[in-house]
N, C-alpha and C. Protein backbone atom coordinates (compact mmCIF):
# COMPACT_ATOMS: atom_id res chain seq x y z
N MET A 1 1.52 -2.11 -15.55
CA MET A 1 1.99 -1.70 -14.25
C MET A 1 1.05 -1.65 -13.23
N ALA A 2 1.28 -2.04 -12.02
CA ALA A 2 0.40 -1.52 -10.74
C ALA A 2 0.37 -0.06 -10.51
N ASP A 3 -0.72 0.00 -9.85
CA ASP A 3 -0.99 1.62 -9.32
C ASP A 3 -0.24 1.89 -8.45
N ILE A 4 1.05 2.41 -8.30
CA ILE A 4 1.96 2.60 -7.35
C ILE A 4 1.87 3.86 -6.58
N THR A 5 1.69 4.07 -5.15
CA THR A 5 1.44 5.26 -4.39
C THR A 5 2.84 5.71 -4.20
N TRP A 6 3.67 6.76 -4.53
CA TRP A 6 4.98 6.79 -4.14
C TRP A 6 5.13 7.93 -2.67
N GLU A 7 5.88 7.65 -1.84
CA GLU A 7 6.27 8.46 -0.66
C GLU A 7 7.14 9.51 -1.39
N ASP A 8 7.31 10.68 -0.50
CA ASP A 8 8.30 11.67 -0.74
C ASP A 8 9.54 11.13 -1.14
N PRO A 9 10.60 11.77 -1.74
CA PRO A 9 11.92 11.00 -2.18
C PRO A 9 12.78 11.30 -0.71
N PHE A 10 13.52 10.27 -0.43
CA PHE A 10 14.68 10.42 0.69
C PHE A 10 15.58 10.87 -0.15
N CYS A 11 16.44 11.81 0.18
CA CYS A 11 17.50 12.43 -0.36
C CYS A 11 18.68 13.00 0.54
N ALA A 12 19.82 12.95 -0.07
CA ALA A 12 21.01 13.52 0.86
C ALA A 12 21.61 14.56 0.05
N GLU A 13 22.35 15.46 0.53
CA GLU A 13 22.87 16.80 -0.18
C GLU A 13 23.63 16.02 -1.03
N GLY A 14 23.45 16.56 -2.41
CA GLY A 14 24.20 16.09 -3.46
C GLY A 14 24.40 14.56 -4.04
N ASN A 15 23.36 13.84 -3.66
CA ASN A 15 23.40 12.81 -3.86
C ASN A 15 21.77 12.08 -4.63
N ASN A 16 21.70 11.17 -4.98
CA ASN A 16 20.62 10.60 -5.53
C ASN A 16 19.35 10.46 -4.59
N CYS A 17 18.06 10.63 -4.99
CA CYS A 17 17.10 10.44 -4.16
C CYS A 17 16.18 9.06 -4.42
N PHE A 18 15.94 8.35 -3.60
CA PHE A 18 15.19 7.04 -3.63
C PHE A 18 13.79 7.21 -3.39
N ARG A 19 12.82 6.80 -3.73
CA ARG A 19 11.43 6.77 -3.57
C ARG A 19 10.81 5.18 -2.90
N ILE A 20 10.06 5.24 -2.03
CA ILE A 20 9.38 3.98 -1.92
C ILE A 20 8.12 3.95 -1.92
N GLY A 21 7.11 2.95 -2.72
CA GLY A 21 5.81 3.19 -2.81
C GLY A 21 5.38 1.58 -2.61
N THR A 22 4.01 2.02 -2.44
CA THR A 22 3.25 0.51 -2.34
C THR A 22 2.02 0.50 -3.35
N ASP A 23 1.45 -0.73 -3.73
CA ASP A 23 0.19 -0.61 -4.62
C ASP A 23 -0.85 -1.08 -3.67
N PRO A 24 -1.99 -1.08 -4.22
CA PRO A 24 -3.15 -1.48 -3.39
C PRO A 24 -3.34 -2.88 -3.07
N THR A 25 -2.35 -3.81 -3.42
CA THR A 25 -2.27 -5.35 -3.09
C THR A 25 -1.15 -5.27 -1.86
N GLY A 26 -0.23 -4.34 -1.30
CA GLY A 26 0.25 -4.11 -0.53
C GLY A 26 1.98 -4.46 -0.68
N ASN A 27 2.34 -4.53 -2.17
CA ASN A 27 3.72 -4.94 -2.53
C ASN A 27 4.49 -3.78 -2.39
N ALA A 28 5.50 -3.88 -2.05
CA ALA A 28 6.44 -2.59 -1.88
C ALA A 28 7.35 -2.74 -3.18
N TYR A 29 7.75 -1.36 -3.44
CA TYR A 29 8.61 -0.91 -4.44
C TYR A 29 9.69 0.27 -4.36
N ILE A 30 10.89 0.37 -4.86
CA ILE A 30 11.82 1.26 -4.68
C ILE A 30 12.11 1.70 -6.23
N ALA A 31 12.46 2.95 -6.07
CA ALA A 31 12.95 3.52 -7.35
C ALA A 31 13.89 4.63 -7.25
N VAL A 32 14.83 5.29 -8.14
CA VAL A 32 15.61 6.29 -8.18
C VAL A 32 14.40 7.37 -8.32
N ALA A 33 14.50 8.30 -7.46
CA ALA A 33 13.75 9.29 -7.90
C ALA A 33 13.76 9.85 -9.40
N GLY A 34 12.62 10.14 -10.10
CA GLY A 34 12.86 10.60 -11.32
C GLY A 34 12.64 9.27 -12.46
N GLN A 35 12.96 8.17 -11.81
CA GLN A 35 12.69 6.93 -12.78
C GLN A 35 11.73 5.77 -11.99
N GLU A 36 10.57 6.63 -11.48
CA GLU A 36 9.97 5.67 -11.27
C GLU A 36 8.94 4.66 -12.28
N GLU A 37 9.39 4.57 -13.42
CA GLU A 37 8.65 3.95 -14.27
C GLU A 37 9.68 2.52 -14.44
N HIS A 38 10.78 2.35 -13.83
CA HIS A 38 11.23 1.36 -13.53
C HIS A 38 11.78 0.92 -12.43
N PRO A 39 10.75 0.61 -11.38
CA PRO A 39 10.96 0.46 -9.99
C PRO A 39 11.59 -0.95 -9.92
N LEU A 40 12.05 -1.29 -8.88
CA LEU A 40 12.63 -2.39 -8.20
C LEU A 40 11.45 -3.22 -7.44
N VAL A 41 11.05 -4.26 -7.72
CA VAL A 41 10.23 -4.75 -6.95
C VAL A 41 10.41 -6.15 -6.11
N ASP A 42 11.62 -6.87 -6.33
CA ASP A 42 12.37 -7.70 -5.43
C ASP A 42 13.02 -7.24 -4.68
N SER A 43 12.92 -7.63 -3.22
CA SER A 43 13.38 -7.05 -2.32
C SER A 43 15.01 -7.29 -2.13
N ARG A 44 15.20 -8.39 -2.40
CA ARG A 44 16.93 -8.50 -2.70
C ARG A 44 17.48 -7.86 -3.52
N GLU A 45 16.80 -7.76 -4.95
CA GLU A 45 17.31 -6.72 -5.84
C GLU A 45 17.51 -5.28 -5.55
N ALA A 46 16.19 -4.93 -4.76
CA ALA A 46 16.38 -3.32 -4.27
C ALA A 46 17.24 -3.28 -3.10
N LEU A 47 17.52 -4.07 -2.14
CA LEU A 47 18.57 -4.25 -1.27
C LEU A 47 19.97 -4.15 -1.81
N ARG A 48 20.19 -4.79 -2.97
CA ARG A 48 21.59 -4.68 -3.67
C ARG A 48 22.01 -3.49 -4.24
N ALA A 49 20.78 -2.89 -4.92
CA ALA A 49 20.92 -1.61 -5.82
C ALA A 49 21.44 -0.74 -4.68
N LEU A 50 20.71 -0.48 -3.44
CA LEU A 50 21.02 0.51 -2.46
C LEU A 50 22.29 0.37 -2.04
N ILE A 51 22.73 -0.81 -1.82
CA ILE A 51 24.04 -0.72 -1.34
C ILE A 51 24.91 -0.70 -2.30
N ARG A 52 24.75 -1.08 -3.73
CA ARG A 52 25.67 -0.36 -4.69
C ARG A 52 25.67 1.08 -4.85
N ALA A 53 24.63 1.36 -4.45
CA ALA A 53 24.42 2.82 -4.72
C ALA A 53 25.28 3.66 -3.68
N VAL A 54 25.40 2.95 -2.45
CA VAL A 54 26.15 3.41 -0.98
C VAL A 54 27.50 3.74 -1.79
N LYS A 55 27.86 2.34 -1.73
CA LYS A 55 29.33 2.19 -2.18
C LYS A 55 29.89 2.88 -3.33
N ALA A 56 29.03 3.38 -4.15
CA ALA A 56 29.48 4.20 -5.40
C ALA A 56 29.37 5.49 -5.06
N GLY A 57 29.08 5.97 -3.73
CA GLY A 57 28.84 7.40 -3.36
C GLY A 57 27.71 8.03 -3.74
N GLU A 58 26.71 7.47 -4.48
CA GLU A 58 25.55 8.03 -4.85
C GLU A 58 24.51 8.08 -3.90
N ALA A 59 24.57 7.73 -2.50
CA ALA A 59 23.88 7.63 -1.64
C ALA A 59 24.66 7.28 -0.56
N ASP A 60 24.59 8.52 0.51
CA ASP A 60 25.33 8.37 2.05
C ASP A 60 24.77 7.43 3.23
N HIS A 61 23.62 7.16 2.92
CA HIS A 61 22.75 6.68 4.12
C HIS A 61 21.83 5.99 3.68
N LEU A 62 21.10 4.67 4.50
CA LEU A 62 20.05 4.04 4.48
C LEU A 62 19.07 4.60 5.22
N LEU A 63 18.00 5.16 4.87
CA LEU A 63 16.99 5.45 5.58
C LEU A 63 15.90 4.20 6.03
């Protein structure tokens, strides 16, 4: 797996936290905080996961 540099988690009170990271070649990654070993790397897949989390009440906003 790529050497990913993760930003601080984006969290809302009582909800899951998401982290965004990049690798040395500039690829972007997104993962649920604490599950960074399984990041989403496809931007469409990542967006779908965020939208599903918002609809499920696991996240209340997109940052």
